PDB file of N, CA and C in Angstrom:
ATOM      1  N   UNK A   1      22.422 -61.741 -32.523  1.00  0.00           N
ATOM      2  CA  UNK A   1      23.067 -61.761 -31.417  1.00  0.00           C
ATOM      3  C   UNK A   1      22.984 -62.872 -30.541  1.00  0.00           C
ATOM      4  N   UNK A   2      23.565 -64.032 -30.776  1.00  0.00           N
ATOM      5  CA  UNK A   2      22.596 -65.331 -30.212  1.00  0.00           C
ATOM      6  C   UNK A   2      23.079 -65.325 -28.415  1.00  0.00           C
ATOM      7  N   UNK A   3      22.863 -66.137 -27.631  1.00  0.00           N
ATOM      8  CA  UNK A   3      22.771 -66.079 -26.347  1.00  0.00           C
ATOM      9  C   UNK A   3      23.831 -66.064 -25.166  1.00  0.00           C
ATOM     10  N   UNK A   4      24.454 -66.880 -26.292  1.00  0.00           N
ATOM     11  CA  UNK A   4      26.442 -67.094 -25.913  1.00  0.00           C
ATOM     12  C   UNK A   4      26.711 -65.952 -25.613  1.00  0.00           C
ATOM     13  N   UNK A   5      26.527 -64.908 -27.157  1.00  0.00           N
ATOM     14  CA  UNK A   5      27.114 -63.067 -27.058  1.00  0.00           C
ATOM     15  C   UNK A   5      27.068 -62.377 -25.986  1.00  0.00           C
ATOM     16  N   UNK A   6      25.983 -62.778 -25.659  1.00  0.00           N
ATOM     17  CA  UNK A   6      25.097 -61.642 -24.616  1.00  0.00           C
ATOM     18  C   UNK A   6      25.961 -62.661 -23.136  1.00  0.00           C
ATOM     19  N   UNK A   7      26.274 -63.932 -23.184  1.00  0.00           N
ATOM     20  CA  UNK A   7      26.220 -64.175 -21.617  1.00  0.00           C
ATOM     21  C   UNK A   7      27.806 -63.602 -21.639  1.00  0.00           C
ATOM     22  N   UNK A   8      28.727 -64.343 -23.070  1.00  0.00           N
ATOM     23  CA  UNK A   8      30.052 -63.450 -22.909  1.00  0.00           C
ATOM     24  C   UNK A   8      30.374 -61.846 -22.573  1.00  0.00           C
ATOM     25  N   UNK A   9      29.142 -61.338 -22.942  1.00  0.00           N
ATOM     26  CA  UNK A   9      29.105 -59.682 -22.975  1.00  0.00           C
ATOM     27  C   UNK A   9      29.232 -59.261 -21.170  1.00  0.00           C
ATOM     28  N   UNK A  10      27.861 -59.907 -20.733  1.00  0.00           N
ATOM     29  CA  UNK A  10      27.989 -59.818 -19.318  1.00  0.00           C
ATOM     30  C   UNK A  10      29.017 -60.322 -18.167  1.00  0.00           C
ATOM     31  N   UNK A  11      29.579 -61.284 -19.107  1.00  0.00           N
ATOM     32  CA  UNK A  11      30.484 -61.745 -18.022  1.00  0.00           C
ATOM     33  C   UNK A  11      32.096 -60.667 -18.332  1.00  0.00           C
ATOM     34  N   UNK A  12      31.869 -60.419 -19.367  1.00  0.00           N
ATOM     35  CA  UNK A  12      33.013 -59.604 -19.340  1.00  0.00           C
ATOM     36  C   UNK A  12      33.265 -58.227 -18.446  1.00  0.00           C
ATOM     37  N   UNK A  13      34.438 -58.338 -18.023  1.00  0.00           N
ATOM     38  CA  UNK A  13      34.845 -57.064 -16.681  1.00  0.00           C
ATOM     39  C   UNK A  13      34.886 -55.980 -16.960  1.00  0.00           C
ATOM     40  N   UNK A  14      35.057 -55.641 -18.152  1.00  0.00           N
ATOM     41  CA  UNK A  14      34.789 -54.388 -18.840  1.00  0.00           C
ATOM     42  C   UNK A  14      33.659 -53.661 -18.938  1.00  0.00           C
ATOM     43  N   UNK A  15      32.795 -54.754 -19.152  1.00  0.00           N
ATOM     44  CA  UNK A  15      31.462 -54.179 -19.231  1.00  0.00           C
ATOM     45  C   UNK A  15      30.708 -54.021 -17.649  1.00  0.00           C
ATOM     46  N   UNK A  16      31.069 -55.204 -16.876  1.00  0.00           N
ATOM     47  CA  UNK A  16      31.078 -54.729 -15.450  1.00  0.00           C
ATOM     48  C   UNK A  16      31.302 -53.318 -15.136  1.00  0.00           C
ATOM     49  N   UNK A  17      32.007 -52.987 -15.628  1.00  0.00           N
ATOM     50  CA  UNK A  17      33.113 -51.531 -15.563  1.00  0.00           C
ATOM     51  C   UNK A  17      32.146 -50.324 -15.857  1.00  0.00           C
ATOM     52  N   UNK A  18      31.434 -50.681 -17.063  1.00  0.00           N
ATOM     53  CA  UNK A  18      31.072 -50.102 -17.825  1.00  0.00           C
ATOM     54  C   UNK A  18      29.510 -49.441 -17.141  1.00  0.00           C
ATOM     55  N   UNK A  19      28.620 -50.794 -16.620  1.00  0.00           N
ATOM     56  CA  UNK A  19      27.613 -50.235 -16.411  1.00  0.00           C
ATOM     57  C   UNK A  19      28.326 -49.703 -14.753  1.00  0.00           C
ATOM     58  N   UNK A  20      28.801 -50.268 -14.107  1.00  0.00           N
ATOM     59  CA  UNK A  20      29.096 -49.490 -12.681  1.00  0.00           C
ATOM     60  C   UNK A  20      29.759 -48.023 -13.065  1.00  0.00           C
ATOM     61  N   UNK A  21      30.515 -47.694 -13.579  1.00  0.00           N
ATOM     62  CA  UNK A  21      30.562 -45.913 -14.410  1.00  0.00           C
ATOM     63  C   UNK A  21      29.469 -45.517 -14.452  1.00  0.00           C
ATOM     64  N   UNK A  22      28.662 -45.601 -15.173  1.00  0.00           N
ATOM     65  CA  UNK A  22      27.544 -45.477 -15.792  1.00  0.00           C
ATOM     66  C   UNK A  22      26.620 -44.967 -14.349  1.00  0.00           C
ATOM     67  N   UNK A  23      26.263 -46.104 -14.312  1.00  0.00           N
ATOM     68  CA  UNK A  23      25.341 -45.851 -13.135  1.00  0.00           C
ATOM     69  C   UNK A  23      25.308 -45.049 -11.643  1.00  0.00           C
ATOM     70  N   UNK A  24      26.564 -45.136 -11.287  1.00  0.00           N
ATOM     71  CA  UNK A  24      27.531 -44.300 -10.813  1.00  0.00           C
ATOM     72  C   UNK A  24      26.933 -42.957 -10.828  1.00  0.00           C
ATOM     73  N   UNK A  25      27.760 -42.880 -11.781  1.00  0.00           N
ATOM     74  CA  UNK A  25      27.281 -41.351 -13.094  1.00  0.00           C
ATOM     75  C   UNK A  25      26.132 -40.742 -13.377  1.00  0.00           C
ATOM     76  N   UNK A  26      25.112 -41.717 -13.611  1.00  0.00           N
ATOM     77  CA  UNK A  26      23.712 -40.742 -13.603  1.00  0.00           C
ATOM     78  C   UNK A  26      22.870 -40.913 -12.101  1.00  0.00           C
ATOM     79  N   UNK A  27      23.757 -41.239 -10.914  1.00  0.00           N
ATOM     80  CA  UNK A  27      23.223 -41.723  -9.326  1.00  0.00           C
ATOM     81  C   UNK A  27      23.573 -39.691  -9.039  1.00  0.00           C
ATOM     82  N   UNK A  28      24.829 -39.563  -9.011  1.00  0.00           N
ATOM     83  CA  UNK A  28      25.664 -38.389  -9.023  1.00  0.00           C
ATOM     84  C   UNK A  28      24.701 -37.286  -9.675  1.00  0.00           C
ATOM     85  N   UNK A  29      24.173 -37.528 -11.104  1.00  0.00           N
ATOM     86  CA  UNK A  29      23.607 -36.249 -11.522  1.00  0.00           C
ATOM     87  C   UNK A  29      22.284 -36.394 -11.125  1.00  0.00           C
ATOM     88  N   UNK A  30      21.309 -37.284 -10.697  1.00  0.00           N
ATOM     89  CA  UNK A  30      20.501 -37.236 -10.068  1.00  0.00           C
ATOM     90  C   UNK A  30      20.492 -36.515  -8.875  1.00  0.00           C
ATOM     91  N   UNK A  31      21.361 -37.125  -7.722  1.00  0.00           N
ATOM     92  CA  UNK A  31      21.307 -36.534  -6.259  1.00  0.00           C
ATOM     93  C   UNK A  31      21.655 -34.879  -6.977  1.00  0.00           C
ATOM     94  N   UNK A  32      21.770 -34.255  -7.477  1.00  0.00           N
ATOM     95  CA  UNK A  32      22.579 -33.170  -8.257  1.00  0.00           C
ATOM     96  C   UNK A  32      21.455 -32.312  -8.052  1.00  0.00           C
ATOM     97  N   UNK A  33      20.390 -32.865  -9.401  1.00  0.00           N
ATOM     98  CA  UNK A  33      19.467 -32.315  -9.587  1.00  0.00           C
ATOM     99  C   UNK A  33      17.850 -32.604  -8.536  1.00  0.00           C
ATOM    100  N   UNK A  34      18.125 -33.355  -8.386  1.00  0.00           N
ATOM    101  CA  UNK A  34      17.219 -33.455  -6.619  1.00  0.00           C
ATOM    102  C   UNK A  34      17.596 -32.764  -5.612  1.00  0.00           C
ATOM    103  N   UNK A  35      18.533 -32.427  -5.542  1.00  0.00           N
ATOM    104  CA  UNK A  35      19.091 -31.348  -4.269  1.00  0.00           C
ATOM    105  C   UNK A  35      18.590 -29.916  -4.889  1.00  0.00           C
ATOM    106  N   UNK A  36      18.811 -29.805  -6.043  1.00  0.00           N
ATOM    107  CA  UNK A  36      17.922 -28.524  -6.396  1.00  0.00           C
ATOM    108  C   UNK A  36      16.874 -28.106  -5.929  1.00  0.00           C
ATOM    109  N   UNK A  37      15.996 -29.076  -6.792  1.00  0.00           N
ATOM    110  CA  UNK A  37      14.501 -29.127  -6.664  1.00  0.00           C
ATOM    111  C   UNK A  37      14.167 -29.373  -4.918  1.00  0.00           C
ATOM    112  N   UNK A  38      14.717 -30.021  -4.009  1.00  0.00           N
ATOM    113  CA  UNK A  38      15.217 -29.537  -2.666  1.00  0.00           C
ATOM    114  C   UNK A  38      14.734 -28.174  -2.302  1.00  0.00           C
ATOM    115  N   UNK A  39      16.096 -27.733  -2.601  1.00  0.00           N
ATOM    116  CA  UNK A  39      16.598 -26.973  -2.058  1.00  0.00           C
ATOM    117  C   UNK A  39      15.334 -25.456  -2.558  1.00  0.00           C
ATOM    118  N   UNK A  40      14.959 -25.789  -4.216  1.00  0.00           N
ATOM    119  CA  UNK A  40      13.758 -24.560  -4.093  1.00  0.00           C
ATOM    120  C   UNK A  40      12.744 -24.913  -3.627  1.00  0.00           C
ATOM    121  N   UNK A  41      12.045 -25.958  -3.300  1.00  0.00           N
ATOM    122  CA  UNK A  41      11.195 -26.188  -2.450  1.00  0.00           C
ATOM    123  C   UNK A  41      11.013 -25.707  -1.016  1.00  0.00           C
ATOM    124  N   UNK A  42      12.266 -25.871  -0.333  1.00  0.00           N
ATOM    125  CA  UNK A  42      12.659 -25.513   0.980  1.00  0.00           C
ATOM    126  C   UNK A  42      12.490 -23.567   0.872  1.00  0.00           C
ATOM    127  N   UNK A  43      12.716 -22.991  -0.309  1.00  0.00           N
ATOM    128  CA  UNK A  43      12.992 -21.352  -0.051  1.00  0.00           C
ATOM    129  C   UNK A  43      11.890 -21.134  -0.698  1.00  0.00           C
ATOM    130  N   UNK A  44      10.553 -22.074  -1.252  1.00  0.00           N
ATOM    131  CA  UNK A  44       9.203 -21.706  -1.166  1.00  0.00           C
ATOM    132  C   UNK A  44       8.715 -21.734   0.015  1.00  0.00           C
ATOM    133  N   UNK A  45       8.781 -23.128   1.129  1.00  0.00           N
ATOM    134  CA  UNK A  45       8.257 -23.317   2.252  1.00  0.00           C
ATOM    135  C   UNK A  45       8.795 -22.248   2.965  1.00  0.00           C
ATOM    136  N   UNK A  46       9.868 -21.825   3.328  1.00  0.00           N
ATOM    137  CA  UNK A  46      10.732 -21.215   4.600  1.00  0.00           C
ATOM    138  C   UNK A  46      10.993 -19.751   3.935  1.00  0.00           C
ATOM    139  N   UNK A  47      10.864 -18.926   2.730  1.00  0.00           N
ATOM    140  CA  UNK A  47      11.607 -17.751   2.496  1.00  0.00           C
ATOM    141  C   UNK A  47      10.362 -17.334   1.216  1.00  0.00           C
ATOM    142  N   UNK A  48       9.375 -17.361   1.468  1.00  0.00           N
ATOM    143  CA  UNK A  48       8.155 -17.397  -0.283  1.00  0.00           C
ATOM    144  C   UNK A  48       8.558 -15.577   0.012  1.00  0.00           C
ATOM    145  N   UNK A  49       9.020 -14.677   1.103  1.00  0.00           N
ATOM    146  CA  UNK A  49       9.032 -13.556  -0.067  1.00  0.00           C
ATOM    147  C   UNK A  49      10.529 -13.221  -0.052  1.00  0.00           C
ATOM    148  N   UNK A  50      11.240 -13.750  -0.265  1.00  0.00           N
ATOM    149  CA  UNK A  50      12.409 -13.842  -1.310  1.00  0.00           C
ATOM    150  C   UNK A  50      11.673 -14.201  -2.577  1.00  0.00           C
ATOM    151  N   UNK A  51      11.210 -15.053  -3.117  1.00  0.00           N
ATOM    152  CA  UNK A  51      10.806 -15.497  -4.363  1.00  0.00           C
ATOM    153  C   UNK A  51       9.742 -14.290  -4.555  1.00  0.00           C
ATOM    154  N   UNK A  52       9.116 -13.618  -3.637  1.00  0.00           N
ATOM    155  CA  UNK A  52       8.109 -12.409  -4.571  1.00  0.00           C
ATOM    156  C   UNK A  52       8.970 -11.426  -4.640  1.00  0.00           C
ATOM    157  N   UNK A  53      10.199 -11.198  -4.147  1.00  0.00           N
ATOM    158  CA  UNK A  53      10.601  -9.720  -3.769  1.00  0.00           C
ATOM    159  C   UNK A  53      10.782  -9.344  -5.559  1.00  0.00           C
ATOM    160  N   UNK A  54      10.650  -8.326  -5.798  1.00  0.00           N
ATOM    161  CA  UNK A  54      11.147  -7.503  -7.116  1.00  0.00           C
ATOM    162  C   UNK A  54      12.489  -7.290  -7.191  1.00  0.00           C
ATOM    163  N   UNK A  55      13.231  -7.866  -8.472  1.00  0.00           N
ATOM    164  CA  UNK A  55      14.211  -7.896  -8.908  1.00  0.00           C
ATOM    165  C   UNK A  55      15.136  -6.505  -8.364  1.00  0.00           C
ATOM    166  N   UNK A  56      14.224  -5.268  -8.974  1.00  0.00           N
ATOM    167  CA  UNK A  56      14.868  -3.930  -8.427  1.00  0.00           C
ATOM    168  C   UNK A  56      12.973  -3.381  -8.560  1.00  0.00           C
ATOM    169  N   UNK A  57      13.623  -2.426  -7.995  1.00  0.00           N
ATOM    170  CA  UNK A  57      11.596  -1.628  -7.814  1.00  0.00           C
ATOM    171  C   UNK A  57      11.211  -1.260  -8.351  1.00  0.00           C
ATOM    172  N   UNK A  58      11.828  -0.951 -10.166  1.00  0.00           N
ATOM    173  CA  UNK A  58      10.607  -0.893 -10.893  1.00  0.00           C
ATOM    174  C   UNK A  58      10.521  -2.100 -12.028  1.00  0.00           C
ATOM    175  N   UNK A  59      11.064  -3.161 -11.583  1.00  0.00           N
ATOM    176  CA  UNK A  59      10.887  -4.694 -12.295  1.00  0.00           C
ATOM    177  C   UNK A  59       9.518  -4.705 -12.011  1.00  0.00           C
ATOM    178  N   UNK A  60       8.523  -5.773 -12.607  1.00  0.00           N
ATOM    179  CA  UNK A  60       7.377  -6.131 -12.958  1.00  0.00           C
ATOM    180  C   UNK A  60       8.267  -7.647 -12.226  1.00  0.00           C
ATOM    181  N   UNK A  61       9.214  -7.847 -12.449  1.00  0.00           N
ATOM    182  CA  UNK A  61       9.825  -9.327 -12.202  1.00  0.00           C
ATOM    183  C   UNK A  61      10.345  -9.406 -11.152  1.00  0.00           C
ATOM    184  N   UNK A  62      10.044 -10.455 -10.540  1.00  0.00           N
ATOM    185  CA  UNK A  62      10.566 -11.268  -9.047  1.00  0.00           C
ATOM    186  C   UNK A  62      11.533 -12.225  -9.101  1.00  0.00           C
ATOM    187  N   UNK A  63      12.326 -12.543  -8.103  1.00  0.00           N
ATOM    188  CA  UNK A  63      13.510 -13.094  -7.881  1.00  0.00           C
ATOM    189  C   UNK A  63      12.688 -14.328  -7.973  1.00  0.00           C
ATOM    190  N   UNK A  64      11.840 -14.850  -8.010  1.00  0.00           N
ATOM    191  CA  UNK A  64      11.101 -16.371  -9.018  1.00  0.00           C
ATOM    192  C   UNK A  64      11.142 -16.879  -9.697  1.00  0.00           C
ATOM    193  N   UNK A  65      11.308 -15.820 -10.933  1.00  0.00           N
ATOM    194  CA  UNK A  65      11.307 -16.480 -12.340  1.00  0.00           C
ATOM    195  C   UNK A  65      12.712 -16.117 -12.422  1.00  0.00           C
ATOM    196  N   UNK A  66      13.569 -16.053 -12.458  1.00  0.00           N
ATOM    197  CA  UNK A  66      15.123 -16.246 -13.245  1.00  0.00           C
ATOM    198  C   UNK A  66      15.839 -17.403 -11.934  1.00  0.00           C
ATOM    199  N   UNK A  67      15.030 -17.524 -10.678  1.00  0.00           N
ATOM    200  CA  UNK A  67      15.449 -18.634 -10.040  1.00  0.00           C
ATOM    201  C   UNK A  67      14.857 -20.166 -10.685  1.00  0.00           C
ATOM    202  N   UNK A  68      13.530 -19.829 -10.944  1.00  0.00           N
ATOM    203  CA  UNK A  68      12.254 -21.310 -11.678  1.00  0.00           C
ATOM    204  C   UNK A  68      13.138 -21.290 -12.649  1.00  0.00           C
ATOM    205  N   UNK A  69      13.827 -20.421 -13.807  1.00  0.00           N
ATOM    206  CA  UNK A  69      13.837 -20.539 -14.810  1.00  0.00           C
ATOM    207  C   UNK A  69      15.374 -21.507 -14.790  1.00  0.00           C
ATOM    208  N   UNK A  70      16.304 -21.190 -14.328  1.00  0.00           N
ATOM    209  CA  UNK A  70      17.777 -21.167 -13.390  1.00  0.00           C
ATOM    210  C   UNK A  70      17.288 -23.204 -13.349  1.00  0.00           C
ATOM    211  N   UNK A  71      16.475 -23.476 -12.246  1.00  0.00           N
ATOM    212  CA  UNK A  71      16.389 -24.475 -11.974  1.00  0.00           C
ATOM    213  C   UNK A  71      15.877 -25.213 -13.220  1.00  0.00           C
ATOM    214  N   UNK A  72      14.556 -24.743 -13.984  1.00  0.00           N
ATOM    215  CA  UNK A  72      14.261 -25.452 -15.450  1.00  0.00           C
ATOM    216  C   UNK A  72      16.017 -25.900 -16.197  1.00  0.00           C
ATOM    217  N   UNK A  73      17.081 -24.937 -16.327  1.00  0.00           N
ATOM    218  CA  UNK A  73      17.929 -25.231 -17.482  1.00  0.00           C
ATOM    219  C   UNK A  73      18.914 -25.937 -16.512  1.00  0.00           C
ATOM    220  N   UNK A  74      18.877 -25.898 -15.291  1.00  0.00           N
ATOM    221  CA  UNK A  74      19.800 -27.026 -14.771  1.00  0.00           C
ATOM    222  C   UNK A  74      19.578 -28.576 -15.065  1.00  0.00           C
ATOM    223  N   UNK A  75      18.460 -28.682 -15.034  1.00  0.00           N
ATOM    224  CA  UNK A  75      17.688 -30.032 -15.361  1.00  0.00           C
ATOM    225  C   UNK A  75      18.632 -29.764 -17.145  1.00  0.00           C
ATOM    226  N   UNK A  76      18.467 -29.384 -17.684  1.00  0.00           N
ATOM    227  CA  UNK A  76      18.961 -29.583 -19.513  1.00  0.00           C
ATOM    228  C   UNK A  76      20.645 -29.234 -19.384  1.00  0.00           C
ATOM    229  N   UNK A  77      21.518 -28.750 -18.822  1.00  0.00           N
ATOM    230  CA  UNK A  77      22.868 -28.408 -18.539  1.00  0.00           C
ATOM    231  C   UNK A  77      23.260 -29.432 -18.251  1.00  0.00           C
ATOM    232  N   UNK A  78      22.520 -30.471 -16.898  1.00  0.00           N
ATOM    233  CA  UNK A  78      22.815 -31.908 -16.466  1.00  0.00           C
ATOM    234  C   UNK A  78      22.207 -32.840 -17.450  1.00  0.00           C
ATOM    235  N   UNK A  79      21.490 -32.751 -18.380  1.00  0.00           N
ATOM    236  CA  UNK A  79      21.005 -33.799 -19.494  1.00  0.00           C
ATOM    237  C   UNK A  79      22.406 -33.962 -20.495  1.00  0.00           C
ATOM    238  N   UNK A  80      22.835 -32.746 -20.770  1.00  0.00           N
ATOM    239  CA  UNK A  80      23.959 -32.474 -21.634  1.00  0.00           C
ATOM    240  C   UNK A  80      25.445 -32.869 -21.075  1.00  0.00           C
ATOM    241  N   UNK A  81      25.145 -32.445 -20.186  1.00  0.00           N
ATOM    242  CA  UNK A  81      26.487 -33.113 -19.796  1.00  0.00           C
ATOM    243  C   UNK A  81      26.457 -35.070 -19.605  1.00  0.00           C
ATOM    244  N   UNK A  82      25.193 -35.674 -19.289  1.00  0.00           N
ATOM    245  CA  UNK A  82      25.339 -36.843 -19.091  1.00  0.00           C
ATOM    246  C   UNK A  82      25.447 -37.239 -21.048  1.00  0.00           C
ATOM    247  N   UNK A  83      24.787 -36.721 -21.485  1.00  0.00           N
ATOM    248  CA  UNK A  83      25.075 -37.163 -23.181  1.00  0.00           C
ATOM    249  C   UNK A  83      26.363 -36.807 -23.731  1.00  0.00           C
ATOM    250  N   UNK A  84      26.661 -35.821 -23.021  1.00  0.00           N
ATOM    251  CA  UNK A  84      28.454 -35.965 -23.539  1.00  0.00           C
ATOM    252  C   UNK A  84      28.895 -36.824 -23.523  1.00  0.00           C
ATOM    253  N   UNK A  85      29.135 -37.479 -21.988  1.00  0.00           N
ATOM    254  CA  UNK A  85      29.918 -38.223 -21.422  1.00  0.00           C
ATOM    255  C   UNK A  85      29.009 -39.752 -22.207  1.00  0.00           C
ATOM    256  N   UNK A  86      28.086 -40.069 -21.985  1.00  0.00           N
ATOM    257  CA  UNK A  86      28.061 -40.982 -23.026  1.00  0.00           C
ATOM    258  C   UNK A  86      28.074 -41.220 -24.669  1.00  0.00           C
ATOM    259  N   UNK A  87      27.778 -40.548 -25.107  1.00  0.00           N
ATOM    260  CA  UNK A  87      28.357 -40.409 -26.081  1.00  0.00           C
ATOM    261  C   UNK A  87      29.901 -40.162 -26.343  1.00  0.00           C
ATOM    262  N   UNK A  88      31.096 -40.192 -25.720  1.00  0.00           N
ATOM    263  CA  UNK A  88      32.325 -40.453 -25.493  1.00  0.00           C
ATOM    264  C   UNK A  88      33.282 -41.293 -25.292  1.00  0.00           C
ATOM    265  N   UNK A  89      32.754 -40.940 -23.408  1.00  0.00           N
ATOM    266  CA  UNK A  89      33.523 -42.344 -22.800  1.00  0.00           C
ATOM    267  C   UNK A  89      32.917 -43.608 -22.790  1.00  0.00           C
ATOM    268  N   UNK A  90      31.245 -43.686 -22.612  1.00  0.00           N
ATOM    269  CA  UNK A  90      30.851 -44.724 -22.396  1.00  0.00           C
ATOM    270  C   UNK A  90      30.424 -45.661 -23.934  1.00  0.00           C
ATOM    271  N   UNK A  91      30.003 -44.906 -24.746  1.00  0.00           N
ATOM    272  CA  UNK A  91      30.136 -45.420 -26.179  1.00  0.00           C
ATOM    273  C   UNK A  91      31.631 -45.704 -26.494  1.00  0.00           C
ATOM    274  N   UNK A  92      32.874 -45.692 -26.588  1.00  0.00           N
ATOM    275  CA  UNK A  92      34.045 -46.077 -26.685  1.00  0.00           C
ATOM    276  C   UNK A  92      34.152 -47.459 -25.708  1.00  0.00           C
ATOM    277  N   UNK A  93      33.705 -47.469 -24.497  1.00  0.00           N
ATOM    278  CA  UNK A  93      33.670 -48.576 -24.179  1.00  0.00           C
ATOM    279  C   UNK A  93      32.916 -49.669 -24.475  1.00  0.00           C
ATOM    280  N   UNK A  94      32.319 -49.452 -25.335  1.00  0.00           N
ATOM    281  CA  UNK A  94      30.847 -50.294 -25.462  1.00  0.00           C
ATOM    282  C   UNK A  94      32.025 -50.833 -26.572  1.00  0.00           C
ATOM    283  N   UNK A  95      32.046 -50.117 -27.659  1.00  0.00           N
ATOM    284  CA  UNK A  95      32.212 -50.850 -29.193  1.00  0.00           C
ATOM    285  C   UNK A  95      33.800 -51.188 -28.695  1.00  0.00           C
ATOM    286  N   UNK A  96      34.807 -50.961 -27.340  1.00  0.00           N
ATOM    287  CA  UNK A  96      35.870 -52.059 -27.119  1.00  0.00           C
ATOM    288  C   UNK A  96      35.490 -52.926 -26.867  1.00  0.00           C
ATOM    289  N   UNK A  97      34.095 -53.128 -25.664  1.00  0.00           N
ATOM    290  CA  UNK A  97      33.748 -54.572 -25.515  1.00  0.00           C
ATOM    291  C   UNK A  97      32.956 -55.044 -26.688  1.00  0.00           C
ATOM    292  N   UNK A  98      32.446 -54.889 -27.441  1.00  0.00           N
ATOM    293  CA  UNK A  98      31.727 -55.389 -29.018  1.00  0.00           C
ATOM    294  C   UNK A  98      33.282 -56.256 -29.341  1.00  0.00           C
ATOM    295  N   UNK A  99      33.965 -55.250 -29.771  1.00  0.00           N
ATOM    296  CA  UNK A  99      35.150 -56.035 -30.327  1.00  0.00           C
ATOM    297  C   UNK A  99      35.552 -57.562 -29.581  1.00  0.00           C
ATOM    298  N   UNK A 100      35.980 -57.151 -28.483  1.00  0.00           N
ATOM    299  CA  UNK A 100      36.742 -58.254 -27.802  1.00  0.00           C
ATOM    300  C   UNK A 100      35.538 -59.637 -27.828  1.00  0.00           C
ATOM    301  N   UNK A 101      34.199 -59.161 -27.681  1.00  0.00           N
ATOM    302  CA  UNK A 101      33.595 -60.391 -27.622  1.00  0.00           C
ATOM    303  C   UNK A 101      33.037 -61.129 -29.196  1.00  0.00           C
ATOM    304  N   UNK A 102      33.068 -60.214 -29.968  1.00  0.00           N
ATOM    305  CA  UNK A 102      33.059 -61.049 -31.005  1.00  0.00           C
ATOM    306  C   UNK A 102      34.080 -61.382 -31.906  1.00  0.00           C
TER     307      UNK A 102
END
C-alpha cells in the first residue's frame, strides 16, 4: 500500500467508526478488569479474615483461593470476549473498508 491508500483509509468515516468502537469496547473491558482487581485489593485490605476463612470446617481450602482463581479466569474470559468481537464485527468492518478504498 502506498501513502495515498493510507490517507484514504484514515479519512474514511467507516474507519473512524471502527476505531472509536474498538477503543470504546477495549476501555469498557479494561474498566471491568480494573474494577475486579480493585475489589479484590479492597477485600484484602478491609476484610482479610474473609479470604482466610475456610470454605468448610474440614476443608484446607480458604475462600481466597477460589476468589483469586476467579479473578485470573475473569481476565481470560474478558480477553475471549474481545477476541470474539474483534474476529467478528471488527474484522468484517476492516475488510469492508479495505474494499471501499482499493
